[in-house]
Structure formats: C-alpha cells, structure tokens
Amino acid sequence: MSAINSPSIPLMTYRFYFDTHQPVRLPDYPGSAWRGAFGHALKKTVCVIRNTPCHQCLLKHACAYSYIFETPPPSNTEKMRKYNSTPHPFVFRFAEKPTTEEYSLDMNLFGHGQRFFPYIIHAMHMAGQDGIGGNRQPFRLNRIDAIDFQGPPITVYQEAELRNQSPLQSPSPPQMPEKINITFHSPVRIKQDNKNLGDNHFNFGALFGSLLRRISMICYFHTDTPLETDFAELAAAARNIQFSTQNLHWYDWTRYSSRQQTEMQMGGVLGSVSLDMQGLGDFWPYLWLGQWTHVGKGTSMGMGAYTIDFTSLLDT
C-alpha cells in the first residue's frame, strides 16, 4: 500500500471510583443510564441559556456541555457539514463484574476534551449523587485514577482536590503478532447496506471500515492532527480480509431515550473473532487504537468495546 499512515489520538483513561452501600442494581450494560445521568448533570452545571435547544444557542461552540455531549461540528468544518453532531470526545467503559463495596467505571477522554475535565468531574459527582438507573441508586464519588498505558495508576482526584496530570498520549501498538483474538465486551452495532450486521454476516471489512471512520472523525474534531492516509485503499483491502475463526452471537437490548422520549433497540454482536495478521501491518495500529475508541454505534455509552489478546495465541 502507499500513503498509509498510523493514527494517533492523545487520550487518557480515567477510572472513577464510587462508594455504594447496597448491591449494585444496574443493567448488564449500564452505559445508557450513566450517560443520561452524566449529560443531565453536566447541562445543569454549565448551561446559562435555559430552554433553548443547543443547536440554536449562541454559545454552542463555547459551551462545555455542547462540546462534550452534543458535539456540534464547527462552523468551518470540512467534514460532516450536514450532521447536527459529531463523535463525542469520550467513551464510557464498564467492568463486567462490579463489586458491592466499591463500584468503578472508566472514561476514555480524547484530545481537546481534556480541557473540560473539571466540569466532567463535577458532573459525574452530581450524577452519582442524584442516583443512577430506574431505581435511582446513589453513588458517592470517592476518587479518580489516571490509568497509565504502561505504569501503575495515578490518583488525580480525591477529597475535592484535582492534582497535576501528565500530558495526554496516544497508545503505541506493540510489535504486531502473528495472530490476534478480538473479544467484544459490549454489543457491536454496525450497519452495512442499511442493515445491522448480525453474527452470520459480520465481516472484517465492515468492522474496519467503521473503525477507520471513527478514528478519522475523532482525529479531525478533537485533536490538532487530522488523519492523513489512503482511506479508499485501506477500506478496499479490508474487504478482502476474512477472520480465521468467529464465535459470535446477537444480543438484544432496549434503552429508553429521555431526549427522544421513546424506547430504542440497541442490539449488537458479542463474542470473539480471530485474525491471522500476516501481511496486515497497515491495519494493526488502527485495531490496537480501537480498544480505546470503541467501534460502531453507541460508543459513548460503552457499546463497541473490545480488547485484543495475543499472548495466549503466541504460547500455543
């Protein structure tokens, strides 16, 4: 391939620790509940022009809530001009088995979103205090750790004190292995030909195409370095690649959208796929970075989360 460049997204993973003195009563995938509570608390915190839709607000390009949660395209954008919103600068990620003594969740924060981190802390504190889910279970924010890519976690917020932090960095991919196993931890919802891809038709071309668009949009709207690469060549090559094994199933779930006041179907595929990486060096940096960006629809609420494992494959 020619003119294929590796992507770079400066980011930080923050782990929010909450105290809750009762068993956690949240859905298997609680991202919708947390995202809704977070957005409500953030808007309540920063909005100074009440009862005005964000897209009509004079302050929409200078507002923390608008940038983080609505994310309108800038007036001078060259991409997504016809869209009301662009990819958000964050995703939630959740532990699969929360404990009752201490509940934690992760937020991956991208690029320029970092400048609003104090607002995010306050909004997460208020969201937990107001209660999460249909039962309005309260969560008290205890501390926040920055999860380093290589070193131990560093506490950056505790007892109402925000401490100095390291600059954001983009995760560097390790040396490409011969084989990888991709495990999807939350439903991956990807459309192809206007249809949701089920487990029987899930394919690498669609997965990578969705990931390439997402990484490109995050770079363009939330960093100072737009992705410059041969998109058409990468996408065309991806369509000729097949997984070596697939173990997937469809998972149906429904969430209630308070903004649209309706229930929404948000099913997607779960499970794992394996991929032989010989000759796929151009794809490796995107696949690795996608572990932090997620892929598909509903990423900000935690959908499309995956991890890549290859140590066990190399040992066999």
Protein backbone atom coordinates (compact mmCIF):
# COMPACT_ATOMS: atom_id res chain seq x y z
CA MET A 1 0.00 0.00 0.00
CA SER A 2 1.04 3.61 -0.46
CA ALA A 3 0.48 6.68 1.71
CA ILE A 4 -0.76 4.62 4.66
CA ASN A 5 -0.08 6.43 7.95
CA SER A 6 -0.62 5.28 11.51
CA PRO A 7 -3.32 7.04 13.54
CA SER A 8 -2.62 9.00 16.71
CA ILE A 9 -5.17 10.19 19.28
CA PRO A 10 -3.88 11.77 22.51
CA LEU A 11 -6.11 10.39 25.25
CA MET A 12 -6.39 9.46 28.89
CA THR A 13 -8.32 6.72 30.65
CA TYR A 14 -9.82 7.90 33.92
CA ARG A 15 -11.19 5.38 36.41
CA PHE A 16 -13.95 6.80 38.61
CA TYR A 17 -14.37 5.03 41.96
CA PHE A 18 -17.70 5.30 43.73
CA ASP A 19 -18.91 4.10 47.11
CA THR A 20 -22.32 2.49 47.24
CA HIS A 21 -23.63 0.85 50.37
CA GLN A 22 -26.02 -1.56 48.67
CA PRO A 23 -25.80 -4.21 45.97
CA VAL A 24 -25.45 -2.67 42.52
CA ARG A 25 -28.80 -2.75 40.72
CA LEU A 26 -27.95 -1.68 37.20
CA PRO A 27 -28.47 -3.34 33.79
CA ASP A 28 -25.82 -5.66 32.35
CA TYR A 29 -24.77 -2.76 30.11
CA PRO A 30 -25.33 0.34 32.27
CA GLY A 31 -23.83 2.84 29.82
CA SER A 32 -27.16 4.34 28.81
CA ALA A 33 -28.08 5.02 32.45
CA TRP A 34 -24.73 6.57 33.30
CA ARG A 35 -24.52 8.58 30.07
CA GLY A 36 -28.00 10.00 30.58
CA ALA A 37 -27.32 10.95 34.20
CA PHE A 38 -23.95 12.44 33.27
CA GLY A 39 -25.42 14.54 30.44
CA HIS A 40 -28.26 15.80 32.62
CA ALA A 41 -25.86 16.79 35.42
CA LEU A 42 -23.42 18.43 33.01
CA LYS A 43 -26.10 20.54 31.37
CA LYS A 44 -27.50 21.54 34.76
CA THR A 45 -23.99 22.58 35.80
CA VAL A 46 -22.94 24.73 32.84
CA CYS A 47 -26.00 25.85 30.85
CA VAL A 48 -26.60 29.60 31.18
CA ILE A 49 -29.26 29.96 28.47
CA ARG A 50 -32.17 27.84 29.63
CA ASN A 51 -34.95 26.44 27.47
CA THR A 52 -33.01 26.91 24.24
CA PRO A 53 -32.11 23.92 22.05
CA CYS A 54 -28.33 23.55 21.86
CA HIS A 55 -28.24 23.83 18.06
CA GLN A 56 -29.93 27.25 18.32
CA CYS A 57 -27.80 28.54 21.19
CA LEU A 58 -25.37 31.40 20.66
CA LEU A 59 -22.86 29.68 22.96
CA LYS A 60 -22.93 26.23 21.35
CA HIS A 61 -19.31 26.44 20.19
CA ALA A 62 -18.04 27.71 23.56
CA CYS A 63 -20.02 25.54 25.98
CA ALA A 64 -18.64 22.55 27.88
CA TYR A 65 -21.95 20.68 27.67
CA SER A 66 -22.38 21.35 23.97
CA TYR A 67 -18.84 20.22 23.13
CA ILE A 68 -18.82 17.13 25.31
CA PHE A 69 -22.37 15.88 24.98
CA GLU A 70 -23.89 17.38 21.82
CA THR A 71 -20.61 17.93 19.91
CA PRO A 72 -21.82 20.08 17.00
CA PRO A 73 -19.47 20.37 14.03
CA PRO A 74 -17.54 23.68 13.92
CA SER A 75 -18.91 26.28 11.52
CA ASN A 76 -15.80 25.97 9.32
CA THR A 77 -15.74 22.19 9.22
CA GLU A 78 -14.90 20.40 6.00
CA LYS A 79 -16.45 17.14 7.23
CA MET A 80 -19.93 16.14 8.41
CA ARG A 81 -21.39 19.53 7.39
CA LYS A 82 -24.90 18.10 7.10
CA TYR A 83 -24.82 16.50 10.56
CA ASN A 84 -26.04 18.08 13.80
CA SER A 85 -23.41 16.30 15.86
CA THR A 86 -20.01 14.64 15.50
CA PRO A 87 -18.35 11.87 17.55
CA HIS A 88 -18.20 12.75 21.23
CA PRO A 89 -14.78 13.23 22.87
CA PHE A 90 -15.35 10.42 25.38
CA VAL A 91 -16.50 6.85 25.83
CA PHE A 92 -17.61 5.03 28.96
CA ARG A 93 -16.28 1.57 29.72
CA PHE A 94 -17.51 -0.75 32.44
CA ALA A 95 -16.17 -3.65 34.46
CA GLU A 96 -18.03 -6.85 33.72
CA LYS A 97 -18.50 -7.81 37.38
CA PRO A 98 -18.85 -4.80 39.69
CA THR A 99 -18.38 -5.30 43.42
CA THR A 100 -20.82 -4.12 46.05
CA GLU A 101 -18.20 -2.42 48.20
CA GLU A 102 -16.66 -0.19 45.53
CA TYR A 103 -18.04 0.49 42.08
CA SER A 104 -15.82 1.75 39.29
CA LEU A 105 -16.20 2.79 35.69
CA ASP A 106 -13.78 4.13 33.10
CA MET A 107 -14.00 7.15 30.86
CA ASN A 108 -11.64 7.45 27.89
CA LEU A 109 -11.25 11.17 27.16
CA PHE A 110 -9.89 12.26 23.78
CA GLY A 111 -7.79 15.24 22.76
CA HIS A 112 -9.33 18.66 23.39
CA GLY A 113 -11.94 17.13 25.68
CA GLN A 114 -9.26 17.22 28.38
CA ARG A 115 -9.72 20.96 28.89
CA PHE A 116 -13.20 20.31 30.29
CA PHE A 117 -12.11 17.62 32.74
CA PRO A 118 -13.03 19.66 35.88
CA TYR A 119 -16.58 20.03 34.52
CA ILE A 120 -16.70 16.29 33.89
CA ILE A 121 -15.62 15.54 37.46
CA HIS A 122 -18.33 17.76 38.89
CA ALA A 123 -20.98 16.32 36.59
CA MET A 124 -20.04 12.73 37.47
CA HIS A 125 -20.16 13.63 41.16
CA MET A 126 -23.64 15.13 40.75
CA ALA A 127 -24.85 12.25 38.57
CA GLY A 128 -23.88 9.69 41.19
CA GLN A 129 -25.38 11.78 43.97
CA ASP A 130 -28.70 12.13 42.14
CA GLY A 131 -28.86 8.39 41.51
CA ILE A 132 -28.39 6.09 38.52
CA GLY A 133 -30.90 3.86 36.76
CA GLY A 134 -34.59 3.32 37.28
CA ASN A 135 -34.06 2.76 41.00
CA ARG A 136 -32.03 5.98 41.33
CA GLN A 137 -29.30 4.14 43.20
CA PRO A 138 -26.90 6.68 44.75
CA PHE A 139 -23.15 6.51 44.14
CA ARG A 140 -20.68 8.72 46.01
CA LEU A 141 -17.58 9.71 44.04
CA ASN A 142 -14.53 8.72 46.07
CA ARG A 143 -11.52 9.20 43.82
CA ILE A 144 -10.33 9.21 40.19
CA ASP A 145 -7.23 7.44 38.90
CA ALA A 146 -5.46 8.06 35.62
CA ILE A 147 -4.74 4.67 34.08
CA ASP A 148 -1.28 4.77 32.53
CA PHE A 149 -0.65 2.64 29.45
CA GLN A 150 2.48 1.13 30.99
CA GLY A 151 2.94 2.22 34.61
CA PRO A 152 0.70 1.95 37.69
CA PRO A 153 -2.49 4.03 38.08
CA ILE A 154 -2.05 7.53 39.48
CA THR A 155 -4.69 9.16 41.66
CA VAL A 156 -5.56 12.56 40.14
CA TYR A 157 -8.64 13.48 42.16
CA GLN A 158 -9.51 12.80 45.80
CA GLU A 159 -11.15 14.74 48.63
CA ALA A 160 -12.23 17.52 46.23
CA GLU A 161 -8.64 18.11 45.08
CA LEU A 162 -7.63 17.86 41.42
CA ARG A 163 -3.93 17.11 41.13
CA ASN A 164 -1.46 17.79 38.34
CA GLN A 165 -1.59 15.32 35.48
CA SER A 166 0.70 14.00 32.81
CA PRO A 167 0.15 15.12 29.20
CA LEU A 168 -2.18 13.03 27.07
CA GLN A 169 -0.56 10.33 24.98
CA SER A 170 -1.66 8.08 22.16
CA PRO A 171 -1.38 4.35 22.89
CA SER A 172 1.57 2.92 20.98
CA PRO A 173 0.91 -0.51 19.47
CA PRO A 174 3.31 -3.30 20.39
CA GLN A 175 5.08 -5.33 17.76
CA MET A 176 2.48 -6.97 15.57
CA PRO A 177 1.92 -10.63 16.45
CA GLU A 178 1.23 -13.43 14.01
CA LYS A 179 -2.33 -13.91 15.25
CA ILE A 180 -4.77 -11.93 17.39
CA ASN A 181 -8.02 -12.66 19.15
CA ILE A 182 -10.55 -9.80 19.37
CA THR A 183 -13.12 -10.10 22.17
CA PHE A 184 -16.19 -7.85 22.08
CA HIS A 185 -17.22 -6.97 25.64
CA SER A 186 -20.30 -4.92 24.80
CA PRO A 187 -22.65 -5.10 21.80
CA VAL A 188 -21.10 -4.02 18.49
CA ARG A 189 -23.71 -2.40 16.28
CA ILE A 190 -22.54 -1.86 12.71
CA LYS A 191 -24.65 -1.31 9.62
CA GLN A 192 -23.87 -2.50 6.12
CA ASP A 193 -26.22 -1.70 3.24
CA ASN A 194 -28.56 -0.07 5.79
CA LYS A 195 -28.90 -3.32 7.75
CA ASN A 196 -27.48 -4.20 11.15
CA LEU A 197 -24.79 -6.84 10.80
CA GLY A 198 -25.73 -9.99 12.68
CA ASP A 199 -23.40 -12.75 13.78
CA ASN A 200 -23.77 -14.64 10.49
CA HIS A 201 -22.75 -11.72 8.27
CA PHE A 202 -20.24 -9.93 10.49
CA ASN A 203 -17.07 -9.34 8.48
CA PHE A 204 -13.69 -7.66 8.77
CA GLY A 205 -14.37 -5.15 6.00
CA ALA A 206 -17.38 -3.69 7.79
CA LEU A 207 -15.65 -3.74 11.18
CA PHE A 208 -12.54 -1.99 9.92
CA GLY A 209 -14.48 0.49 7.78
CA SER A 210 -16.47 1.58 10.83
CA LEU A 211 -13.31 1.81 12.93
CA LEU A 212 -11.44 3.79 10.27
CA ARG A 213 -14.25 6.36 10.02
CA ARG A 214 -14.49 6.69 13.78
CA ILE A 215 -10.76 7.19 14.34
CA SER A 216 -10.62 9.66 11.45
CA MET A 217 -13.51 11.72 12.86
CA ILE A 218 -12.05 11.78 16.38
CA CYS A 219 -8.70 12.95 14.97
CA TYR A 220 -10.38 15.65 12.89
CA PHE A 221 -12.73 17.09 15.50
CA HIS A 222 -10.83 16.53 18.76
CA THR A 223 -7.11 16.74 18.00
CA ASP A 224 -4.74 19.10 16.21
CA THR A 225 -3.65 16.42 13.75
CA PRO A 226 -6.25 15.15 11.25
CA LEU A 227 -5.57 11.66 9.99
CA GLU A 228 -3.90 11.68 6.59
CA THR A 229 -3.95 8.27 4.94
CA ASP A 230 -5.26 6.47 1.88
CA PHE A 231 -8.77 5.76 3.14
CA ALA A 232 -10.03 4.20 -0.09
CA GLU A 233 -7.10 1.81 -0.39
CA LEU A 234 -7.36 0.71 3.23
CA ALA A 235 -11.13 0.15 3.00
CA ALA A 236 -10.81 -1.77 -0.27
CA ALA A 237 -8.08 -4.01 1.12
CA ALA A 238 -10.10 -4.67 4.29
CA ARG A 239 -12.98 -6.06 2.26
CA ASN A 240 -10.73 -8.89 1.06
CA ILE A 241 -9.72 -10.00 4.57
CA GLN A 242 -11.52 -12.74 6.45
CA PHE A 243 -11.48 -13.76 10.08
CA SER A 244 -9.80 -17.11 10.71
CA THR A 245 -12.46 -18.03 13.30
CA GLN A 246 -15.70 -16.43 14.53
CA ASN A 247 -17.61 -17.16 17.70
CA LEU A 248 -20.34 -14.51 17.77
CA HIS A 249 -23.94 -14.16 18.81
CA TRP A 250 -26.55 -11.41 18.63
CA TYR A 251 -27.53 -9.66 21.86
CA ASP A 252 -30.78 -7.68 22.01
CA TRP A 253 -31.31 -4.91 24.50
CA THR A 254 -33.54 -1.87 24.74
CA ARG A 255 -32.80 1.50 26.24
CA TYR A 256 -35.08 4.42 26.95
CA SER A 257 -34.07 7.76 25.46
CA SER A 258 -35.27 10.61 27.68
CA ARG A 259 -34.44 13.15 24.98
CA GLN A 260 -36.48 11.34 22.33
CA GLN A 261 -38.96 10.00 24.89
CA THR A 262 -39.07 6.57 23.33
CA GLU A 263 -37.54 3.12 23.69
CA MET A 264 -34.72 2.34 21.29
CA GLN A 265 -33.46 -1.04 20.13
CA MET A 266 -29.68 -1.19 20.58
CA GLY A 267 -28.74 -4.80 19.92
CA GLY A 268 -25.38 -5.87 18.55
CA VAL A 269 -22.94 -8.75 18.28
CA LEU A 270 -20.96 -10.18 21.19
CA GLY A 271 -18.26 -12.82 21.28
CA SER A 272 -14.86 -13.12 19.68
CA VAL A 273 -13.07 -13.38 16.36
CA SER A 274 -9.54 -14.44 15.44
CA LEU A 275 -7.38 -12.97 12.73
CA ASP A 276 -4.15 -14.06 11.07
CA MET A 277 -2.04 -10.90 10.88
CA GLN A 278 0.47 -11.89 8.21
CA GLY A 279 0.61 -9.03 5.69
CA LEU A 280 -1.80 -6.86 7.70
CA GLY A 281 0.71 -4.42 9.16
CA ASP A 282 -1.19 -1.38 7.85
CA PHE A 283 -4.27 -2.38 9.84
CA TRP A 284 -2.55 -3.19 13.12
CA PRO A 285 -2.25 0.39 14.54
CA TYR A 286 -5.96 1.04 13.91
CA LEU A 287 -7.07 -2.21 15.51
CA TRP A 288 -4.89 -1.53 18.56
CA LEU A 289 -6.10 2.08 19.00
CA GLY A 290 -9.71 0.98 18.58
CA GLN A 291 -9.54 -0.63 22.03
CA TRP A 292 -9.80 2.92 23.42
CA THR A 293 -12.14 4.49 20.84
CA HIS A 294 -14.58 1.54 20.61
CA VAL A 295 -16.35 0.85 17.31
CA GLY A 296 -19.86 1.04 15.84
CA LYS A 297 -22.90 2.84 17.23
CA GLY A 298 -23.48 3.99 20.81
CA THR A 299 -19.78 4.13 21.66
CA SER A 300 -20.07 6.99 24.16
CA MET A 301 -22.36 4.85 26.32
CA GLY A 302 -19.90 1.97 26.25
CA MET A 303 -21.02 -0.04 23.23
CA GLY A 304 -18.48 -1.49 20.81
CA ALA A 305 -15.85 -2.14 23.49
CA TYR A 306 -13.24 -4.75 22.64
CA THR A 307 -9.82 -5.99 23.68
CA ILE A 308 -7.06 -7.66 21.70
CA ASP A 309 -5.27 -10.69 23.10
CA PHE A 310 -2.34 -12.44 21.55
CA THR A 311 -0.10 -13.70 24.35
CA SER A 312 -2.05 -16.94 24.73
CA LEU A 313 -2.05 -17.39 20.96
CA LEU A 314 1.72 -16.98 20.79
CA ASP A 315 2.20 -19.59 23.50
CA THR A 316 0.25 -22.25 21.62
